[in-house]
Amino acid sequence: MKTATFPSLRVTPELRQAAEQILQEGETLSSFVEQSIRESIGRRQHQQEFTARGLRSRDEARQSGKYVSADSVIGRLEEMLATAKGAK
């Protein structure tokens, strides 16, 4: 498979210096930028999937007329949190 490049990116000298200072041993600025892009793409994909699931759930609730109150959800989450804290 043929590779492609990202366009050049102009940044302030301070931003470049900050990026260079946090590089790990053996890591290049290019590999850092590539990894950052991959992670950002992954986050955005998860956000899109989360939103899509929420919208589907909303539509299903509207069709069925079956809803769960916010108070009920929060109450259950608080129970789960209390259980998790007690397990430590």
N, C-alpha and C. Protein backbone atom coordinates (compact mmCIF):
# COMPACT_ATOMS: atom_id res chain seq x y z
N MET A 1 0.84 -1.16 0.00
CA MET A 1 0.00 0.00 0.00
C MET A 1 0.90 1.24 0.00
N LYS A 2 0.54 2.18 -0.81
CA LYS A 2 1.30 3.41 -0.91
C LYS A 2 0.96 4.32 0.27
N THR A 3 1.97 5.01 0.80
CA THR A 3 1.74 5.90 1.93
C THR A 3 1.42 7.31 1.43
N ALA A 4 0.89 8.11 2.33
CA ALA A 4 0.55 9.50 2.02
C ALA A 4 1.13 10.37 3.12
N THR A 5 1.09 11.66 2.93
CA THR A 5 1.60 12.58 3.93
C THR A 5 0.52 13.54 4.36
N PHE A 6 0.69 14.08 5.56
CA PHE A 6 -0.17 15.16 6.02
C PHE A 6 0.44 16.48 5.57
N PRO A 7 -0.38 17.49 5.44
CA PRO A 7 0.18 18.79 5.06
C PRO A 7 1.09 19.33 6.16
N SER A 8 2.01 20.18 5.75
CA SER A 8 2.90 20.83 6.72
C SER A 8 2.05 21.63 7.71
N LEU A 9 2.55 21.71 8.90
CA LEU A 9 1.80 22.38 9.96
C LEU A 9 2.67 23.46 10.58
N ARG A 10 2.22 24.69 10.53
CA ARG A 10 2.96 25.78 11.13
C ARG A 10 2.50 25.94 12.58
N VAL A 11 3.46 25.97 13.49
CA VAL A 11 3.16 26.14 14.91
C VAL A 11 4.12 27.19 15.48
N THR A 12 3.80 27.66 16.65
CA THR A 12 4.68 28.60 17.32
C THR A 12 5.94 27.86 17.79
N PRO A 13 7.03 28.57 17.91
CA PRO A 13 8.25 27.93 18.43
C PRO A 13 8.02 27.32 19.82
N GLU A 14 7.18 27.95 20.62
CA GLU A 14 6.91 27.44 21.97
C GLU A 14 6.21 26.09 21.93
N LEU A 15 5.26 25.94 21.00
CA LEU A 15 4.55 24.66 20.90
C LEU A 15 5.50 23.57 20.43
N ARG A 16 6.31 23.88 19.45
CA ARG A 16 7.27 22.87 18.98
C ARG A 16 8.23 22.47 20.09
N GLN A 17 8.72 23.45 20.85
CA GLN A 17 9.64 23.17 21.94
C GLN A 17 8.96 22.31 23.01
N ALA A 18 7.72 22.62 23.32
CA ALA A 18 6.99 21.84 24.32
C ALA A 18 6.83 20.39 23.85
N ALA A 19 6.53 20.21 22.56
CA ALA A 19 6.39 18.85 22.02
C ALA A 19 7.72 18.11 22.07
N GLU A 20 8.78 18.78 21.70
CA GLU A 20 10.09 18.14 21.70
C GLU A 20 10.54 17.76 23.11
N GLN A 21 10.15 18.55 24.10
CA GLN A 21 10.56 18.29 25.48
C GLN A 21 9.88 17.06 26.08
N ILE A 22 8.73 16.69 25.56
CA ILE A 22 8.02 15.55 26.16
C ILE A 22 8.20 14.25 25.38
N LEU A 23 9.01 14.30 24.33
CA LEU A 23 9.25 13.07 23.57
C LEU A 23 9.92 12.03 24.45
N GLN A 24 9.49 10.79 24.28
CA GLN A 24 10.10 9.70 25.02
C GLN A 24 11.36 9.24 24.29
N GLU A 25 12.17 8.47 24.98
CA GLU A 25 13.43 8.01 24.39
C GLU A 25 13.17 7.25 23.10
N GLY A 26 13.86 7.64 22.05
CA GLY A 26 13.72 6.98 20.76
C GLY A 26 12.53 7.47 19.94
N GLU A 27 11.71 8.32 20.49
CA GLU A 27 10.53 8.82 19.79
C GLU A 27 10.90 10.06 18.98
N THR A 28 10.38 10.13 17.78
CA THR A 28 10.62 11.30 16.95
C THR A 28 9.40 12.21 16.99
N LEU A 29 9.62 13.44 16.60
CA LEU A 29 8.49 14.38 16.54
C LEU A 29 7.45 13.88 15.55
N SER A 30 7.89 13.31 14.44
CA SER A 30 6.96 12.77 13.44
C SER A 30 6.12 11.63 14.01
N SER A 31 6.76 10.72 14.75
CA SER A 31 6.01 9.59 15.32
C SER A 31 5.04 10.08 16.39
N PHE A 32 5.46 11.11 17.15
CA PHE A 32 4.57 11.70 18.15
C PHE A 32 3.34 12.31 17.50
N VAL A 33 3.55 13.05 16.42
CA VAL A 33 2.43 13.68 15.71
C VAL A 33 1.51 12.61 15.13
N GLU A 34 2.09 11.57 14.53
CA GLU A 34 1.28 10.49 13.96
C GLU A 34 0.43 9.80 15.04
N GLN A 35 1.06 9.49 16.18
CA GLN A 35 0.33 8.84 17.26
C GLN A 35 -0.78 9.74 17.78
N SER A 36 -0.50 11.03 17.89
CA SER A 36 -1.51 11.98 18.37
C SER A 36 -2.70 12.02 17.42
N ILE A 37 -2.43 11.99 16.13
CA ILE A 37 -3.51 12.00 15.14
C ILE A 37 -4.33 10.72 15.25
N ARG A 38 -3.65 9.58 15.36
CA ARG A 38 -4.37 8.30 15.50
C ARG A 38 -5.28 8.29 16.73
N GLU A 39 -4.75 8.79 17.85
CA GLU A 39 -5.55 8.81 19.08
C GLU A 39 -6.73 9.77 18.96
N SER A 40 -6.52 10.89 18.32
CA SER A 40 -7.60 11.86 18.13
C SER A 40 -8.69 11.28 17.22
N ILE A 41 -8.28 10.59 16.17
CA ILE A 41 -9.25 9.94 15.29
C ILE A 41 -10.06 8.92 16.07
N GLY A 42 -9.38 8.11 16.89
CA GLY A 42 -10.08 7.11 17.70
C GLY A 42 -11.10 7.74 18.65
N ARG A 43 -10.70 8.84 19.32
CA ARG A 43 -11.63 9.54 20.23
C ARG A 43 -12.85 10.05 19.48
N ARG A 44 -12.60 10.65 18.33
CA ARG A 44 -13.74 11.19 17.56
C ARG A 44 -14.65 10.08 17.05
N GLN A 45 -14.07 8.95 16.65
CA GLN A 45 -14.90 7.82 16.22
C GLN A 45 -15.76 7.33 17.37
N HIS A 46 -15.17 7.22 18.57
CA HIS A 46 -15.95 6.79 19.74
C HIS A 46 -17.05 7.80 20.06
N GLN A 47 -16.75 9.08 19.95
CA GLN A 47 -17.76 10.12 20.20
C GLN A 47 -18.91 9.99 19.21
N GLN A 48 -18.58 9.78 17.93
CA GLN A 48 -19.62 9.63 16.91
C GLN A 48 -20.48 8.40 17.18
N GLU A 49 -19.84 7.29 17.54
CA GLU A 49 -20.58 6.06 17.84
C GLU A 49 -21.47 6.26 19.06
N PHE A 50 -20.95 6.94 20.09
CA PHE A 50 -21.72 7.21 21.30
C PHE A 50 -22.96 8.04 20.96
N THR A 51 -22.76 9.08 20.16
CA THR A 51 -23.88 9.94 19.77
C THR A 51 -24.90 9.15 18.96
N ALA A 52 -24.43 8.33 18.03
CA ALA A 52 -25.34 7.53 17.21
C ALA A 52 -26.15 6.57 18.08
N ARG A 53 -25.49 5.92 19.07
CA ARG A 53 -26.23 5.02 19.97
C ARG A 53 -27.28 5.80 20.76
N GLY A 54 -26.92 6.98 21.22
CA GLY A 54 -27.87 7.79 21.98
C GLY A 54 -29.07 8.20 21.14
N LEU A 55 -28.81 8.59 19.91
CA LEU A 55 -29.92 8.98 19.03
C LEU A 55 -30.82 7.79 18.70
N ARG A 56 -30.21 6.61 18.48
CA ARG A 56 -31.02 5.40 18.24
C ARG A 56 -31.87 5.08 19.45
N SER A 57 -31.27 5.19 20.63
CA SER A 57 -31.99 4.91 21.87
C SER A 57 -33.15 5.88 22.03
N ARG A 58 -32.89 7.15 21.76
CA ARG A 58 -33.95 8.16 21.83
C ARG A 58 -35.10 7.81 20.90
N ASP A 59 -34.76 7.44 19.66
CA ASP A 59 -35.79 7.11 18.67
C ASP A 59 -36.59 5.87 19.09
N GLU A 60 -35.89 4.87 19.64
CA GLU A 60 -36.58 3.66 20.11
C GLU A 60 -37.51 4.00 21.27
N ALA A 61 -37.07 4.85 22.17
CA ALA A 61 -37.91 5.24 23.30
C ALA A 61 -39.14 5.99 22.81
N ARG A 62 -38.97 6.85 21.85
CA ARG A 62 -40.12 7.58 21.30
C ARG A 62 -41.12 6.64 20.66
N GLN A 63 -40.60 5.64 19.93
CA GLN A 63 -41.49 4.69 19.26
C GLN A 63 -42.23 3.80 20.25
N SER A 64 -41.50 3.35 21.27
CA SER A 64 -42.10 2.42 22.22
C SER A 64 -42.86 3.13 23.33
N GLY A 65 -42.50 4.38 23.58
CA GLY A 65 -43.11 5.12 24.68
C GLY A 65 -42.54 4.71 26.03
N LYS A 66 -41.49 3.90 26.03
CA LYS A 66 -40.88 3.44 27.27
C LYS A 66 -39.64 4.28 27.58
N TYR A 67 -39.69 4.98 28.68
CA TYR A 67 -38.59 5.84 29.08
C TYR A 67 -38.15 5.47 30.49
N VAL A 68 -36.91 5.79 30.83
CA VAL A 68 -36.39 5.64 32.18
C VAL A 68 -36.07 7.04 32.67
N SER A 69 -36.56 7.40 33.85
CA SER A 69 -36.34 8.75 34.34
C SER A 69 -34.88 9.00 34.68
N ALA A 70 -34.47 10.25 34.59
CA ALA A 70 -33.10 10.62 34.93
C ALA A 70 -32.82 10.29 36.40
N ASP A 71 -33.80 10.52 37.27
CA ASP A 71 -33.61 10.22 38.69
C ASP A 71 -33.33 8.74 38.90
N SER A 72 -34.01 7.89 38.15
CA SER A 72 -33.80 6.45 38.27
C SER A 72 -32.39 6.07 37.82
N VAL A 73 -31.95 6.65 36.71
CA VAL A 73 -30.61 6.36 36.19
C VAL A 73 -29.55 6.84 37.18
N ILE A 74 -29.70 8.05 37.69
CA ILE A 74 -28.72 8.59 38.63
C ILE A 74 -28.70 7.77 39.90
N GLY A 75 -29.85 7.35 40.36
CA GLY A 75 -29.92 6.52 41.55
C GLY A 75 -29.18 5.21 41.37
N ARG A 76 -29.36 4.60 40.23
CA ARG A 76 -28.67 3.33 39.94
C ARG A 76 -27.17 3.55 39.85
N LEU A 77 -26.75 4.65 39.20
CA LEU A 77 -25.32 4.94 39.10
C LEU A 77 -24.71 5.19 40.48
N GLU A 78 -25.44 5.87 41.34
CA GLU A 78 -24.94 6.10 42.70
C GLU A 78 -24.79 4.79 43.45
N GLU A 79 -25.72 3.87 43.25
CA GLU A 79 -25.61 2.55 43.88
C GLU A 79 -24.37 1.82 43.38
N MET A 80 -24.14 1.88 42.07
CA MET A 80 -22.98 1.21 41.48
C MET A 80 -21.69 1.82 42.02
N LEU A 81 -21.66 3.13 42.15
CA LEU A 81 -20.48 3.81 42.67
C LEU A 81 -20.23 3.40 44.12
N ALA A 82 -21.29 3.38 44.93
CA ALA A 82 -21.15 2.99 46.33
C ALA A 82 -20.63 1.55 46.45
N THR A 83 -21.13 0.68 45.60
CA THR A 83 -20.69 -0.72 45.59
C THR A 83 -19.21 -0.80 45.21
N ALA A 84 -18.83 -0.05 44.19
CA ALA A 84 -17.43 -0.06 43.73
C ALA A 84 -16.50 0.48 44.80
N LYS A 85 -16.92 1.53 45.49
CA LYS A 85 -16.10 2.09 46.56
C LYS A 85 -15.97 1.12 47.71
N GLY A 86 -17.03 0.38 47.99
CA GLY A 86 -17.00 -0.59 49.08
C GLY A 86 -16.14 -1.79 48.77
N ALA A 87 -15.91 -2.07 47.50
CA ALA A 87 -15.11 -3.22 47.08
C ALA A 87 -13.62 -2.96 47.19
N LYS A 88 -13.23 -1.73 47.44
CA LYS A 88 -11.78 -1.40 47.52
C LYS A 88 -11.19 -1.83 48.82
